[in-house]
């Protein structure tokens, strides 16, 4: 089954929508971003929820001390690094390294644990770009590693990625928003359903 991560959540309603739609993971930004939330705000958003997907904290070039503090305060299940961090970065929870596909080339992933996240490169944006990239170039890596595909995915395009790569996971943010930072519950539901439908279509054709 392809894991679904809905990223850039900013409020309790978005967390609830992602959870009810069946998302496996949600992402909270603790880095420079239009969707940034403070650790205190994130803790308040998550408090009192009966059930929720796994919570991933997104950082850009943090210190190991900062990550440890936010993990402890918020109760993160995983940490996603989106900057120029080097292999060997220590995290108290599961680590997800975001690698940027530039000019059709997938960066070297050696030294980083699974899962890996592949996103599109931008000269002026260090976090998620919301731009698609040529997914087929990731086939060799996706065949041997746990890869999460991000970048420009929407409810009407994510099935193509699942069919093309059969990735470990997919990640969406702007593709399910009505405005920057405002998740549309209907789009979130349609995105998750598109992934589940693609999984069912592929279930008769195992690798």
C-alpha atoms as a PDB file:
ATOM      1  CA  UNK A   1       0.000   0.000   0.000  1.00  0.00           C
ATOM      2  CA  UNK A   2       1.276   3.456  -0.910  1.00  0.00           C
ATOM      3  CA  UNK A   3       1.629   5.690   2.148  1.00  0.00           C
ATOM      4  CA  UNK A   4      -0.013   9.090   1.891  1.00  0.00           C
ATOM      5  CA  UNK A   5       1.464  12.173   3.557  1.00  0.00           C
ATOM      6  CA  UNK A   6      -0.444  15.458   3.659  1.00  0.00           C
ATOM      7  CA  UNK A   7       2.037  18.219   4.443  1.00  0.00           C
ATOM      8  CA  UNK A   8       1.927  21.853   5.511  1.00  0.00           C
ATOM      9  CA  UNK A   9      -1.016  21.571   7.902  1.00  0.00           C
ATOM     10  CA  UNK A  10      -1.686  24.702   9.914  1.00  0.00           C
ATOM     11  CA  UNK A  11      -4.806  24.034  11.981  1.00  0.00           C
ATOM     12  CA  UNK A  12      -6.803  21.370  13.770  1.00  0.00           C
ATOM     13  CA  UNK A  13      -9.440  21.220  11.003  1.00  0.00           C
ATOM     14  CA  UNK A  14      -6.772  20.234   8.472  1.00  0.00           C
ATOM     15  CA  UNK A  15      -5.443  17.507  10.767  1.00  0.00           C
ATOM     16  CA  UNK A  16      -8.951  16.173  11.228  1.00  0.00           C
ATOM     17  CA  UNK A  17      -9.627  16.223   7.471  1.00  0.00           C
ATOM     18  CA  UNK A  18      -6.405  14.333   6.727  1.00  0.00           C
ATOM     19  CA  UNK A  19      -7.160  11.782   9.433  1.00  0.00           C
ATOM     20  CA  UNK A  20     -10.742  11.207   8.294  1.00  0.00           C
ATOM     21  CA  UNK A  21      -9.616  10.849   4.674  1.00  0.00           C
ATOM     22  CA  UNK A  22      -7.239   8.057   5.693  1.00  0.00           C
ATOM     23  CA  UNK A  23      -3.847   9.765   5.344  1.00  0.00           C
ATOM     24  CA  UNK A  24      -0.968   7.836   6.888  1.00  0.00           C
ATOM     25  CA  UNK A  25       1.175  10.854   7.768  1.00  0.00           C
ATOM     26  CA  UNK A  26       0.783  14.590   8.231  1.00  0.00           C
ATOM     27  CA  UNK A  27       3.532  17.197   7.984  1.00  0.00           C
ATOM     28  CA  UNK A  28       4.005  20.296  10.137  1.00  0.00           C
ATOM     29  CA  UNK A  29       6.479  22.983   9.043  1.00  0.00           C
ATOM     30  CA  UNK A  30       8.956  24.256  11.633  1.00  0.00           C
ATOM     31  CA  UNK A  31      11.004  26.047   8.970  1.00  0.00           C
ATOM     32  CA  UNK A  32      10.687  29.283   6.965  1.00  0.00           C
ATOM     33  CA  UNK A  33       7.440  28.744   5.089  1.00  0.00           C
ATOM     34  CA  UNK A  34       4.029  30.279   4.483  1.00  0.00           C
ATOM     35  CA  UNK A  35       2.764  27.232   6.357  1.00  0.00           C
ATOM     36  CA  UNK A  36       5.100  27.498   9.309  1.00  0.00           C
ATOM     37  CA  UNK A  37       3.734  26.782  12.782  1.00  0.00           C
ATOM     38  CA  UNK A  38       5.538  27.245  16.077  1.00  0.00           C
ATOM     39  CA  UNK A  39       6.165  24.166  18.220  1.00  0.00           C
ATOM     40  CA  UNK A  40       3.721  25.551  20.762  1.00  0.00           C
ATOM     41  CA  UNK A  41       1.051  26.024  18.093  1.00  0.00           C
ATOM     42  CA  UNK A  42       1.659  22.528  16.770  1.00  0.00           C
ATOM     43  CA  UNK A  43       1.273  21.056  20.224  1.00  0.00           C
ATOM     44  CA  UNK A  44      -2.036  22.883  20.664  1.00  0.00           C
ATOM     45  CA  UNK A  45      -3.287  21.703  17.251  1.00  0.00           C
ATOM     46  CA  UNK A  46      -2.576  18.079  18.112  1.00  0.00           C
ATOM     47  CA  UNK A  47      -3.688  18.103  21.738  1.00  0.00           C
ATOM     48  CA  UNK A  48      -6.854  16.231  22.608  1.00  0.00           C
ATOM     49  CA  UNK A  49      -7.221  14.448  19.277  1.00  0.00           C
ATOM     50  CA  UNK A  50      -8.419  10.891  19.768  1.00  0.00           C
ATOM     51  CA  UNK A  51      -6.590   9.606  16.741  1.00  0.00           C
ATOM     52  CA  UNK A  52      -4.291  11.086  14.160  1.00  0.00           C
ATOM     53  CA  UNK A  53      -1.847  10.007  11.456  1.00  0.00           C
ATOM     54  CA  UNK A  54       1.875   9.864  12.158  1.00  0.00           C
ATOM     55  CA  UNK A  55       3.224  13.392  12.628  1.00  0.00           C
ATOM     56  CA  UNK A  56       6.291  14.492  10.642  1.00  0.00           C
ATOM     57  CA  UNK A  57       8.127  17.691  11.510  1.00  0.00           C
ATOM     58  CA  UNK A  58       9.711  19.481   8.533  1.00  0.00           C
ATOM     59  CA  UNK A  59      12.977  21.382   9.128  1.00  0.00           C
ATOM     60  CA  UNK A  60      15.567  23.210   7.033  1.00  0.00           C
ATOM     61  CA  UNK A  61      19.150  23.077   8.320  1.00  0.00           C
ATOM     62  CA  UNK A  62      18.236  22.714  12.007  1.00  0.00           C
ATOM     63  CA  UNK A  63      20.641  21.818  14.758  1.00  0.00           C
ATOM     64  CA  UNK A  64      20.323  18.396  16.337  1.00  0.00           C
ATOM     65  CA  UNK A  65      19.469  20.114  19.608  1.00  0.00           C
ATOM     66  CA  UNK A  66      16.598  22.046  17.990  1.00  0.00           C
ATOM     67  CA  UNK A  67      15.178  18.880  16.474  1.00  0.00           C
ATOM     68  CA  UNK A  68      15.349  17.028  19.769  1.00  0.00           C
ATOM     69  CA  UNK A  69      13.570  19.863  21.586  1.00  0.00           C
ATOM     70  CA  UNK A  70      10.737  20.094  19.039  1.00  0.00           C
ATOM     71  CA  UNK A  71      10.317  16.315  18.919  1.00  0.00           C
ATOM     72  CA  UNK A  72       9.940  16.242  22.681  1.00  0.00           C
ATOM     73  CA  UNK A  73       7.600  19.248  22.914  1.00  0.00           C
ATOM     74  CA  UNK A  74       5.278  18.329  20.039  1.00  0.00           C
ATOM     75  CA  UNK A  75       5.497  14.543  20.148  1.00  0.00           C
ATOM     76  CA  UNK A  76       6.731  14.062  16.588  1.00  0.00           C
ATOM     77  CA  UNK A  77       6.880  10.590  15.084  1.00  0.00           C
ATOM     78  CA  UNK A  78       9.412  11.497  12.385  1.00  0.00           C
ATOM     79  CA  UNK A  79      11.660  14.341  11.231  1.00  0.00           C
ATOM     80  CA  UNK A  80      12.007  15.478   7.609  1.00  0.00           C
ATOM     81  CA  UNK A  81      15.137  17.389   6.638  1.00  0.00           C
ATOM     82  CA  UNK A  82      14.763  19.737   3.660  1.00  0.00           C
ATOM     83  CA  UNK A  83      18.064  21.626   3.739  1.00  0.00           C
ATOM     84  CA  UNK A  84      21.754  20.939   3.173  1.00  0.00           C
ATOM     85  CA  UNK A  85      22.112  18.568   6.107  1.00  0.00           C
ATOM     86  CA  UNK A  86      24.820  15.899   5.837  1.00  0.00           C
ATOM     87  CA  UNK A  87      24.421  12.150   6.325  1.00  0.00           C
ATOM     88  CA  UNK A  88      24.880  11.155   9.933  1.00  0.00           C
ATOM     89  CA  UNK A  89      22.432  13.741  11.278  1.00  0.00           C
ATOM     90  CA  UNK A  90      21.130  12.403  14.574  1.00  0.00           C
ATOM     91  CA  UNK A  91      17.408  12.360  15.296  1.00  0.00           C
ATOM     92  CA  UNK A  92      15.559  10.791  18.237  1.00  0.00           C
ATOM     93  CA  UNK A  93      12.831   9.580  15.832  1.00  0.00           C
ATOM     94  CA  UNK A  94      12.645   8.292  12.262  1.00  0.00           C
ATOM     95  CA  UNK A  95      14.523  10.475   9.780  1.00  0.00           C
ATOM     96  CA  UNK A  96      13.305  11.371   6.279  1.00  0.00           C
ATOM     97  CA  UNK A  97      15.771  13.191   4.050  1.00  0.00           C
ATOM     98  CA  UNK A  98      14.379  15.285   1.185  1.00  0.00           C
ATOM     99  CA  UNK A  99      16.522  15.160  -1.955  1.00  0.00           C
ATOM    100  CA  UNK A 100      15.979  17.537  -4.874  1.00  0.00           C
ATOM    101  CA  UNK A 101      15.707  16.315  -8.448  1.00  0.00           C
ATOM    102  CA  UNK A 102      17.502  18.840 -10.648  1.00  0.00           C
ATOM    103  CA  UNK A 103      17.651  18.786 -14.438  1.00  0.00           C
ATOM    104  CA  UNK A 104      16.340  15.237 -14.486  1.00  0.00           C
ATOM    105  CA  UNK A 105      18.998  13.891 -12.119  1.00  0.00           C
ATOM    106  CA  UNK A 106      18.283  12.150  -8.831  1.00  0.00           C
ATOM    107  CA  UNK A 107      20.861  13.063  -6.132  1.00  0.00           C
ATOM    108  CA  UNK A 108      23.057  10.493  -4.430  1.00  0.00           C
ATOM    109  CA  UNK A 109      21.065   8.924  -1.596  1.00  0.00           C
ATOM    110  CA  UNK A 110      23.879   6.927  -0.030  1.00  0.00           C
ATOM    111  CA  UNK A 111      24.313   7.551   3.666  1.00  0.00           C
ATOM    112  CA  UNK A 112      20.653   8.360   4.264  1.00  0.00           C
ATOM    113  CA  UNK A 113      18.181   5.853   5.703  1.00  0.00           C
ATOM    114  CA  UNK A 114      14.844   4.910   4.236  1.00  0.00           C
ATOM    115  CA  UNK A 115      12.440   6.419   3.514  1.00  0.00           C
ATOM    116  CA  UNK A 116      13.765   9.123   1.211  1.00  0.00           C
ATOM    117  CA  UNK A 117      11.688  11.986  -0.169  1.00  0.00           C
ATOM    118  CA  UNK A 118      12.217  13.234  -3.718  1.00  0.00           C
ATOM    119  CA  UNK A 119      11.084  16.749  -4.600  1.00  0.00           C
ATOM    120  CA  UNK A 120      11.798  19.214  -7.383  1.00  0.00           C
ATOM    121  CA  UNK A 121      14.740  21.617  -7.147  1.00  0.00           C
ATOM    122  CA  UNK A 122      14.294  25.384  -7.200  1.00  0.00           C
ATOM    123  CA  UNK A 123      16.912  28.119  -7.274  1.00  0.00           C
ATOM    124  CA  UNK A 124      14.947  30.365  -4.923  1.00  0.00           C
ATOM    125  CA  UNK A 125      12.947  27.972  -2.754  1.00  0.00           C
ATOM    126  CA  UNK A 126      14.554  25.555  -0.320  1.00  0.00           C
ATOM    127  CA  UNK A 127      11.410  23.836   0.930  1.00  0.00           C
ATOM    128  CA  UNK A 128       8.660  22.239  -1.121  1.00  0.00           C
ATOM    129  CA  UNK A 129       8.222  23.854  -4.518  1.00  0.00           C
ATOM    130  CA  UNK A 130       4.811  22.572  -5.579  1.00  0.00           C
ATOM    131  CA  UNK A 131       6.349  21.865  -9.005  1.00  0.00           C
ATOM    132  CA  UNK A 132       6.295  18.500 -10.758  1.00  0.00           C
ATOM    133  CA  UNK A 133       9.420  16.814 -12.102  1.00  0.00           C
ATOM    134  CA  UNK A 134      10.018  13.910 -14.548  1.00  0.00           C
ATOM    135  CA  UNK A 135       9.001  11.078 -12.224  1.00  0.00           C
ATOM    136  CA  UNK A 136      10.316   8.313 -14.468  1.00  0.00           C
ATOM    137  CA  UNK A 137      13.930   9.271 -13.645  1.00  0.00           C
ATOM    138  CA  UNK A 138      13.356   7.910 -10.130  1.00  0.00           C
ATOM    139  CA  UNK A 139      12.477   4.374 -11.266  1.00  0.00           C
ATOM    140  CA  UNK A 140      15.885   2.844 -10.416  1.00  0.00           C
ATOM    141  CA  UNK A 141      15.906   4.355  -6.927  1.00  0.00           C
ATOM    142  CA  UNK A 142      12.238   3.541  -6.243  1.00  0.00           C
ATOM    143  CA  UNK A 143      12.862  -0.073  -7.227  1.00  0.00           C
ATOM    144  CA  UNK A 144      15.420  -0.574  -4.455  1.00  0.00           C
ATOM    145  CA  UNK A 145      14.661   2.057  -1.816  1.00  0.00           C
ATOM    146  CA  UNK A 146      11.626   3.379   0.040  1.00  0.00           C
ATOM    147  CA  UNK A 147      10.853   6.582  -1.864  1.00  0.00           C
ATOM    148  CA  UNK A 148       8.240   9.230  -1.100  1.00  0.00           C
ATOM    149  CA  UNK A 149       7.374  11.293  -4.176  1.00  0.00           C
ATOM    150  CA  UNK A 150       6.570  14.991  -3.695  1.00  0.00           C
ATOM    151  CA  UNK A 151       6.232  17.979  -5.976  1.00  0.00           C
ATOM    152  CA  UNK A 152       3.191  19.165  -7.874  1.00  0.00           C
ATOM    153  CA  UNK A 153       0.941  16.221  -7.009  1.00  0.00           C
ATOM    154  CA  UNK A 154      -2.834  16.682  -7.149  1.00  0.00           C
ATOM    155  CA  UNK A 155      -5.852  14.391  -6.922  1.00  0.00           C
ATOM    156  CA  UNK A 156      -5.918  14.126 -10.730  1.00  0.00           C
ATOM    157  CA  UNK A 157      -2.191  13.361 -11.168  1.00  0.00           C
ATOM    158  CA  UNK A 158      -1.172  11.192  -8.213  1.00  0.00           C
ATOM    159  CA  UNK A 159      -2.466   7.951  -9.750  1.00  0.00           C
ATOM    160  CA  UNK A 160      -0.009   8.426 -12.619  1.00  0.00           C
ATOM    161  CA  UNK A 161       2.880   8.547 -10.145  1.00  0.00           C
ATOM    162  CA  UNK A 162       1.671   5.428  -8.338  1.00  0.00           C
ATOM    163  CA  UNK A 163       1.411   3.547 -11.630  1.00  0.00           C
ATOM    164  CA  UNK A 164       4.761   4.856 -12.897  1.00  0.00           C
ATOM    165  CA  UNK A 165       6.911   4.278  -9.825  1.00  0.00           C
ATOM    166  CA  UNK A 166       4.928   2.195  -7.324  1.00  0.00           C
ATOM    167  CA  UNK A 167       6.558   4.370  -4.664  1.00  0.00           C
ATOM    168  CA  UNK A 168       6.655   3.708  -0.935  1.00  0.00           C
ATOM    169  CA  UNK A 169       4.754   6.945  -0.422  1.00  0.00           C
ATOM    170  CA  UNK A 170       3.430  10.174  -1.926  1.00  0.00           C
ATOM    171  CA  UNK A 171       3.379  13.664  -0.413  1.00  0.00           C
ATOM    172  CA  UNK A 172       0.993  16.535  -1.128  1.00  0.00           C
ATOM    173  CA  UNK A 173       0.578  20.084   0.161  1.00  0.00           C
ATOM    174  CA  UNK A 174      -0.459  22.838  -2.255  1.00  0.00           C
ATOM    175  CA  UNK A 175      -2.267  20.310  -4.464  1.00  0.00           C
ATOM    176  CA  UNK A 176      -5.026  19.952  -1.865  1.00  0.00           C
ATOM    177  CA  UNK A 177      -5.356  23.606  -0.853  1.00  0.00           C
ATOM    178  CA  UNK A 178      -8.014  26.226  -1.565  1.00  0.00           C
ATOM    179  CA  UNK A 179      -5.438  28.914  -0.619  1.00  0.00           C
ATOM    180  CA  UNK A 180      -1.872  28.803   0.726  1.00  0.00           C
ATOM    181  CA  UNK A 181      -2.001  27.013   4.073  1.00  0.00           C
ATOM    182  CA  UNK A 182      -5.744  26.250   3.813  1.00  0.00           C
ATOM    183  CA  UNK A 183      -6.426  22.585   3.150  1.00  0.00           C
ATOM    184  CA  UNK A 184      -9.635  21.729   1.286  1.00  0.00           C
ATOM    185  CA  UNK A 185     -11.172  18.620   2.934  1.00  0.00           C
ATOM    186  CA  UNK A 186     -12.756  17.494  -0.338  1.00  0.00           C
ATOM    187  CA  UNK A 187      -9.441  17.688  -2.201  1.00  0.00           C
ATOM    188  CA  UNK A 188      -7.662  15.852   0.624  1.00  0.00           C
ATOM    189  CA  UNK A 189     -10.273  13.075   0.450  1.00  0.00           C
ATOM    190  CA  UNK A 190     -10.042  12.863  -3.350  1.00  0.00           C
ATOM    191  CA  UNK A 191      -6.246  12.686  -3.192  1.00  0.00           C
ATOM    192  CA  UNK A 192      -6.223   9.807  -0.715  1.00  0.00           C
ATOM    193  CA  UNK A 193      -8.938   7.982  -2.650  1.00  0.00           C
ATOM    194  CA  UNK A 194      -7.002   8.365  -5.904  1.00  0.00           C
ATOM    195  CA  UNK A 195      -4.000   6.689  -4.286  1.00  0.00           C
ATOM    196  CA  UNK A 196      -6.101   3.867  -2.843  1.00  0.00           C
ATOM    197  CA  UNK A 197      -7.812   3.311  -6.204  1.00  0.00           C
ATOM    198  CA  UNK A 198      -4.436   3.150  -7.970  1.00  0.00           C
ATOM    199  CA  UNK A 199      -3.175   0.668  -5.386  1.00  0.00           C
ATOM    200  CA  UNK A 200      -6.172  -1.582  -6.005  1.00  0.00           C
ATOM    201  CA  UNK A 201      -5.637  -1.423  -9.754  1.00  0.00           C
ATOM    202  CA  UNK A 202      -2.017  -2.500  -9.312  1.00  0.00           C
ATOM    203  CA  UNK A 203      -2.700  -5.223  -6.748  1.00  0.00           C
ATOM    204  CA  UNK A 204      -3.252  -7.777  -9.508  1.00  0.00           C
ATOM    205  CA  UNK A 205       0.168  -7.000 -10.988  1.00  0.00           C
ATOM    206  CA  UNK A 206       2.775  -7.461  -8.223  1.00  0.00           C
ATOM    207  CA  UNK A 207       6.404  -6.728  -9.003  1.00  0.00           C
END
